[in-house]
Amino acid sequence: MPTKQLFRAVSFVAIAYAVAIFAAGATLRLMPSSHPILRAALADVVATVAVFGFSRAFDNSSFYDPYWSVAPMVMAPYLAFAEYAHDGISVRKWLAILVVFVWGGRLSYNWLRGWRGLGHEDWRYVDLRNRLGRAYWPVSFLGIHLMPTVCTFVGSLALFPIMRSARPMGWLDGVGVAIALGAASIESIADRQLHDHRQRREAGTEGDICESGLWRYSRHPNYFGECMFWVGLFIIGVSAEPTAVSWTIAGPIVMFVLFVFISIPMMERRSLAKRPHFASHQHRVSRLIPWFRKS
């Protein structure tokens, strides 16, 4: 795609997210005093509606794709510097913001690298559009926009105890930060390896299935890294406020359910339909957690 057209497309997406952040901020300002989780949740939904408006206006649901990584990068500093600013900005808060931005920035970059402009829409959305016809946009709002917003919000629940805690840091914080940053590294390596594979495949020097690097030991190492990131964030939250474990545990659980029961089956059905040798690949290679290959 010409650079000028891509710049124009990215500019529209940037405007969409600027409007969404403004709408979320206005919602927070206009809301009566209430629980921080309720305030953040409502602002999150309003921002999602704003992005959906752009998806509908441009007839492209991929306007929403960066939301998964952008929303936590907005939520973390908002909680630290606005909602819980009176509790002070501790080292734990800075570390949590760091891991969220490392993860979110990398994920946003990976989306941008693979996006081809306003005419490009995720294949999953295209399949839904072809199957649903006029019912597509209501389903798009509920399933493509609102449902992932709920998932990322639940995944980010650990940010609330992290940002309001006055407990001193402990070894568990180190474990959580290490897992979160390690998970982001796994995602980055897996995405780069997949990107390189696709380039070699287009050049005719490699087959349809990526079996190099991390992909040799997991069919979805990028999803494994994604799940582990939320585990790391949850562990930091446990260190900040151990009693919050009863409700912050919902974060990593929701993420594992989403990827294991929705995202991975959807990807694998497509691979089985398009790649003749994928069934044997399924037999040899672990589904999610990197593990030894079967002969």
Protein backbone atom coordinates (compact mmCIF):
# COMPACT_ATOMS: atom_id res chain seq x y z
CA MET A 1 0.00 0.00 0.00
CA PRO A 2 1.33 3.52 -0.83
CA THR A 3 2.72 5.34 2.20
CA LYS A 4 0.34 8.26 1.77
CA GLN A 5 -2.74 6.04 1.82
CA LEU A 6 -1.48 4.09 4.84
CA PHE A 7 -0.74 7.34 6.69
CA ARG A 8 -4.27 8.53 5.93
CA ALA A 9 -5.74 5.26 7.23
CA VAL A 10 -3.66 5.32 10.42
CA SER A 11 -4.66 8.96 10.94
CA PHE A 12 -8.34 8.01 10.92
CA VAL A 13 -7.67 5.27 13.47
CA ALA A 14 -5.73 7.75 15.64
CA ILE A 15 -8.65 10.19 15.45
CA ALA A 16 -11.04 7.38 16.43
CA TYR A 17 -9.02 6.60 19.54
CA ALA A 18 -8.58 10.26 20.43
CA VAL A 19 -12.37 10.63 20.29
CA ALA A 20 -12.79 7.45 22.36
CA ILE A 21 -10.38 8.67 25.05
CA PHE A 22 -12.09 12.07 25.12
CA ALA A 23 -15.50 10.40 25.47
CA ALA A 24 -14.21 8.19 28.29
CA GLY A 25 -12.74 11.22 30.06
CA ALA A 26 -15.98 13.19 29.70
CA THR A 27 -17.88 10.23 31.11
CA LEU A 28 -15.62 10.11 34.17
CA ARG A 29 -15.97 13.85 34.69
CA LEU A 30 -19.77 13.80 34.43
CA MET A 31 -20.29 10.69 36.57
CA PRO A 32 -21.32 11.18 40.18
CA SER A 33 -18.88 9.86 42.74
CA SER A 34 -19.02 6.07 42.75
CA HIS A 35 -16.79 3.02 43.00
CA PRO A 36 -13.65 3.31 40.82
CA ILE A 37 -14.33 -0.03 39.12
CA LEU A 38 -17.83 1.11 38.11
CA ARG A 39 -16.50 4.44 36.87
CA ALA A 40 -13.76 2.81 34.81
CA ALA A 41 -16.12 0.16 33.42
CA LEU A 42 -18.65 2.73 32.21
CA ALA A 43 -15.91 4.87 30.65
CA ASP A 44 -14.56 1.75 28.92
CA VAL A 45 -17.97 0.97 27.43
CA VAL A 46 -18.43 4.58 26.24
CA ALA A 47 -15.01 4.49 24.57
CA THR A 48 -15.96 1.21 22.88
CA VAL A 49 -19.17 2.76 21.55
CA ALA A 50 -17.14 5.65 20.14
CA VAL A 51 -14.77 3.29 18.32
CA PHE A 52 -17.76 1.28 17.08
CA GLY A 53 -19.12 4.48 15.55
CA PHE A 54 -15.96 4.76 13.44
CA SER A 55 -16.11 1.05 12.55
CA ARG A 56 -19.65 1.54 11.30
CA ALA A 57 -18.90 4.80 9.50
CA PHE A 58 -15.95 3.27 7.63
CA ASP A 59 -17.67 -0.13 7.27
CA ASN A 60 -14.62 -1.82 8.82
CA SER A 61 -14.67 -3.51 12.24
CA SER A 62 -10.87 -3.63 12.31
CA PHE A 63 -10.99 -0.08 13.67
CA TYR A 64 -11.50 -1.87 16.98
CA ASP A 65 -8.46 -4.18 16.71
CA PRO A 66 -5.97 -1.92 18.56
CA TYR A 67 -8.43 -1.43 21.45
CA TRP A 68 -7.25 -4.64 23.13
CA SER A 69 -3.80 -3.15 23.73
CA VAL A 70 -4.68 0.55 23.95
CA ALA A 71 -7.34 0.34 26.70
CA PRO A 72 -5.05 -1.03 29.46
CA MET A 73 -2.39 1.53 28.51
CA VAL A 74 -4.96 4.25 29.21
CA MET A 75 -6.43 2.61 32.30
CA ALA A 76 -3.14 2.01 34.14
CA PRO A 77 -1.92 5.64 34.27
CA TYR A 78 -5.47 6.92 34.83
CA LEU A 79 -5.80 4.80 37.96
CA ALA A 80 -2.30 5.72 39.17
CA PHE A 81 -2.41 9.48 38.53
CA ALA A 82 -6.12 10.30 38.84
CA GLU A 83 -8.24 7.74 40.65
CA TYR A 84 -5.70 6.71 43.30
CA ALA A 85 -3.25 9.61 43.11
CA HIS A 86 -3.87 10.42 46.78
CA ASP A 87 -2.18 7.12 47.71
CA GLY A 88 1.11 8.20 46.16
CA ILE A 89 3.01 6.83 43.16
CA SER A 90 4.98 3.84 44.41
CA VAL A 91 7.61 1.74 42.66
CA ARG A 92 5.01 -1.01 42.24
CA LYS A 93 2.72 1.37 40.36
CA TRP A 94 5.54 2.44 38.07
CA LEU A 95 6.47 -1.18 37.39
CA ALA A 96 2.85 -2.07 36.61
CA ILE A 97 2.61 0.85 34.19
CA LEU A 98 5.91 -0.24 32.63
CA VAL A 99 4.82 -3.84 32.00
CA VAL A 100 1.46 -2.69 30.60
CA PHE A 101 3.17 -0.28 28.21
CA VAL A 102 5.80 -2.82 27.12
CA TRP A 103 3.06 -5.36 26.41
CA GLY A 104 0.60 -2.88 24.87
CA GLY A 105 3.13 -0.98 22.81
CA ARG A 106 4.50 -4.17 21.31
CA LEU A 107 1.02 -5.51 20.55
CA SER A 108 -0.05 -2.23 18.96
CA TYR A 109 3.08 -2.21 16.81
CA ASN A 110 2.41 -5.77 15.68
CA TRP A 111 -1.13 -4.81 14.67
CA LEU A 112 0.12 -1.76 12.78
CA ARG A 113 2.76 -3.80 10.97
CA GLY A 114 0.15 -6.22 9.67
CA TRP A 115 -2.64 -3.75 8.91
CA ARG A 116 -2.97 -2.78 5.26
CA GLY A 117 -5.32 0.17 5.52
CA LEU A 118 -9.00 0.99 5.42
CA GLY A 119 -9.69 -1.71 2.84
CA HIS A 120 -8.26 -4.42 5.09
CA GLU A 121 -10.52 -6.16 7.60
CA ASP A 122 -9.72 -9.14 9.81
CA TRP A 123 -10.68 -12.40 8.04
CA ARG A 124 -12.86 -13.41 11.01
CA TYR A 125 -14.98 -10.31 10.56
CA VAL A 126 -15.22 -10.92 6.82
CA ASP A 127 -16.46 -14.47 7.47
CA LEU A 128 -19.08 -13.18 9.91
CA ARG A 129 -20.17 -10.50 7.45
CA ASN A 130 -20.64 -13.08 4.70
CA ARG A 131 -22.63 -15.41 6.96
CA LEU A 132 -24.80 -12.89 8.79
CA GLY A 133 -25.74 -10.34 6.16
CA ARG A 134 -27.83 -7.55 7.68
CA ALA A 135 -27.40 -8.95 11.19
CA TYR A 136 -23.64 -8.39 10.98
CA TRP A 137 -23.43 -4.98 12.64
CA PRO A 138 -25.43 -5.84 15.79
CA VAL A 139 -23.23 -8.95 16.14
CA SER A 140 -20.14 -6.85 15.45
CA PHE A 141 -21.03 -4.48 18.27
CA LEU A 142 -21.73 -7.24 20.79
CA GLY A 143 -19.15 -9.84 19.75
CA ILE A 144 -16.29 -7.97 18.04
CA HIS A 145 -16.37 -4.75 20.06
CA LEU A 146 -18.11 -5.12 23.43
CA MET A 147 -17.11 -8.70 24.32
CA PRO A 148 -13.34 -8.08 23.96
CA THR A 149 -13.75 -4.84 25.92
CA VAL A 150 -15.29 -6.82 28.77
CA CYS A 151 -12.47 -9.39 28.56
CA THR A 152 -9.68 -6.80 28.69
CA PHE A 153 -11.41 -4.98 31.52
CA VAL A 154 -11.70 -8.17 33.55
CA GLY A 155 -8.09 -9.00 32.70
CA SER A 156 -7.09 -5.55 33.98
CA LEU A 157 -8.87 -5.91 37.34
CA ALA A 158 -5.51 -6.46 39.04
CA LEU A 159 -4.65 -2.83 38.26
CA PHE A 160 -7.15 -1.65 40.87
CA PRO A 161 -5.45 -3.24 43.92
CA ILE A 162 -2.03 -2.43 42.43
CA MET A 163 -2.80 1.27 42.13
CA ARG A 164 -4.49 1.67 45.52
CA SER A 165 -2.14 -0.46 47.65
CA ALA A 166 0.23 0.99 50.20
CA ARG A 167 1.87 -2.38 50.95
CA PRO A 168 5.65 -2.52 50.50
CA MET A 169 6.98 -4.44 47.54
CA GLY A 170 7.92 -8.07 48.00
CA TRP A 171 9.37 -11.00 46.10
CA LEU A 172 5.97 -11.77 44.58
CA ASP A 173 6.06 -8.43 42.74
CA GLY A 174 9.33 -9.54 41.15
CA VAL A 175 7.78 -12.82 40.08
CA GLY A 176 4.79 -11.04 38.52
CA VAL A 177 6.92 -8.48 36.69
CA ALA A 178 9.25 -11.21 35.40
CA ILE A 179 6.34 -13.31 34.13
CA ALA A 180 4.63 -10.31 32.49
CA LEU A 181 7.78 -9.09 30.74
CA GLY A 182 8.78 -12.65 29.83
CA ALA A 183 5.32 -13.20 28.35
CA ALA A 184 5.59 -10.01 26.29
CA SER A 185 8.98 -11.23 25.05
CA ILE A 186 7.48 -14.59 24.05
CA GLU A 187 4.75 -12.80 22.11
CA SER A 188 7.28 -10.55 20.41
CA ILE A 189 9.53 -13.45 19.39
CA ALA A 190 6.58 -15.55 18.20
CA ASP A 191 5.11 -12.70 16.16
CA ARG A 192 8.46 -11.94 14.55
CA GLN A 193 8.99 -15.61 13.69
CA LEU A 194 5.50 -15.82 12.18
CA HIS A 195 6.09 -12.62 10.21
CA ASP A 196 9.36 -14.00 8.82
CA HIS A 197 7.66 -17.29 7.96
CA ARG A 198 4.95 -15.50 5.99
CA GLN A 199 7.57 -13.62 4.02
CA ARG A 200 9.40 -16.86 3.20
CA ARG A 201 6.10 -18.52 2.28
CA GLU A 202 5.25 -15.69 -0.10
CA ALA A 203 8.72 -16.09 -1.64
CA GLY A 204 8.02 -19.81 -2.12
CA THR A 205 10.84 -20.96 0.16
CA GLU A 206 8.70 -22.36 2.97
CA GLY A 207 5.44 -24.28 3.37
CA ASP A 208 2.07 -23.21 4.73
CA ILE A 209 2.72 -24.11 8.38
CA CYS A 210 5.19 -22.27 10.61
CA GLU A 211 7.27 -24.85 12.47
CA SER A 212 10.36 -22.86 13.33
CA GLY A 213 11.41 -21.31 16.62
CA LEU A 214 8.70 -21.23 19.27
CA TRP A 215 6.19 -22.48 16.69
CA ARG A 216 8.00 -25.79 16.66
CA TYR A 217 6.84 -26.46 20.25
CA SER A 218 3.45 -24.74 20.34
CA ARG A 219 0.79 -24.20 17.69
CA HIS A 220 -0.02 -20.83 19.27
CA PRO A 221 2.98 -19.50 21.23
CA ASN A 222 1.76 -15.92 20.78
CA TYR A 223 -1.50 -16.82 22.55
CA PHE A 224 0.48 -18.58 25.27
CA GLY A 225 2.46 -15.39 25.84
CA GLU A 226 -0.75 -13.37 25.91
CA CYS A 227 -2.31 -15.60 28.57
CA MET A 228 0.83 -15.51 30.67
CA PHE A 229 0.96 -11.72 30.58
CA TRP A 230 -2.37 -11.55 32.40
CA VAL A 231 -1.11 -14.13 34.90
CA GLY A 232 1.89 -11.89 35.62
CA LEU A 233 -0.32 -8.84 36.12
CA PHE A 234 -2.57 -10.86 38.42
CA ILE A 235 0.43 -11.92 40.55
CA ILE A 236 1.49 -8.29 41.00
CA GLY A 237 -2.07 -7.57 42.12
CA VAL A 238 -1.92 -10.43 44.63
CA SER A 239 1.28 -9.00 46.07
CA ALA A 240 -0.30 -5.55 46.31
CA GLU A 241 -3.48 -6.75 48.01
CA PRO A 242 -3.70 -10.48 48.85
CA THR A 243 -7.39 -10.28 49.78
CA ALA A 244 -8.24 -9.15 46.23
CA VAL A 245 -7.33 -12.56 44.82
CA SER A 246 -10.96 -13.70 45.09
CA TRP A 247 -12.03 -11.33 42.31
CA THR A 248 -8.85 -10.49 40.40
CA ILE A 249 -8.37 -14.19 39.60
CA ALA A 250 -11.20 -13.69 37.10
CA GLY A 251 -8.68 -11.90 34.84
CA PRO A 252 -6.37 -14.78 33.87
CA ILE A 253 -9.30 -17.23 33.93
CA VAL A 254 -11.27 -15.17 31.40
CA MET A 255 -8.22 -14.88 29.17
CA PHE A 256 -7.50 -18.61 29.17
CA VAL A 257 -11.17 -19.37 28.43
CA LEU A 258 -11.23 -16.82 25.60
CA PHE A 259 -8.14 -18.19 23.88
CA VAL A 260 -8.59 -21.91 24.57
CA PHE A 261 -12.30 -22.14 23.76
CA ILE A 262 -12.87 -19.35 21.22
CA SER A 263 -9.76 -17.96 19.52
CA ILE A 264 -7.74 -21.17 19.09
CA PRO A 265 -10.65 -23.33 17.80
CA MET A 266 -11.55 -20.58 15.31
CA MET A 267 -7.97 -20.34 14.03
CA GLU A 268 -7.57 -24.09 13.80
CA ARG A 269 -10.81 -24.65 11.89
CA ARG A 270 -9.52 -22.21 9.30
CA SER A 271 -6.10 -23.89 9.16
CA LEU A 272 -7.69 -27.33 8.74
CA ALA A 273 -9.74 -26.01 5.83
CA LYS A 274 -6.80 -24.25 4.13
CA ARG A 275 -3.74 -26.35 4.97
CA PRO A 276 -3.74 -30.05 3.98
CA HIS A 277 -1.07 -31.06 6.50
CA PHE A 278 -2.41 -29.17 9.48
CA ALA A 279 -4.11 -32.25 11.00
CA SER A 280 -0.77 -34.02 11.31
CA HIS A 281 0.72 -30.79 12.67
CA GLN A 282 -1.96 -30.84 15.38
CA HIS A 283 -0.89 -34.35 16.34
CA ARG A 284 2.80 -33.44 16.60
CA VAL A 285 2.75 -30.03 18.26
CA SER A 286 1.31 -28.90 21.60
CA ARG A 287 -1.82 -26.79 21.33
CA LEU A 288 -0.87 -23.87 23.59
CA ILE A 289 1.85 -24.52 26.18
CA PRO A 290 5.26 -25.03 24.50
CA TRP A 291 6.23 -28.67 24.91
CA PHE A 292 8.20 -31.48 23.29
CA ARG A 293 7.03 -32.54 19.85
CA LYS A 294 5.53 -35.94 19.18
CA SER A 295 7.07 -38.09 16.49
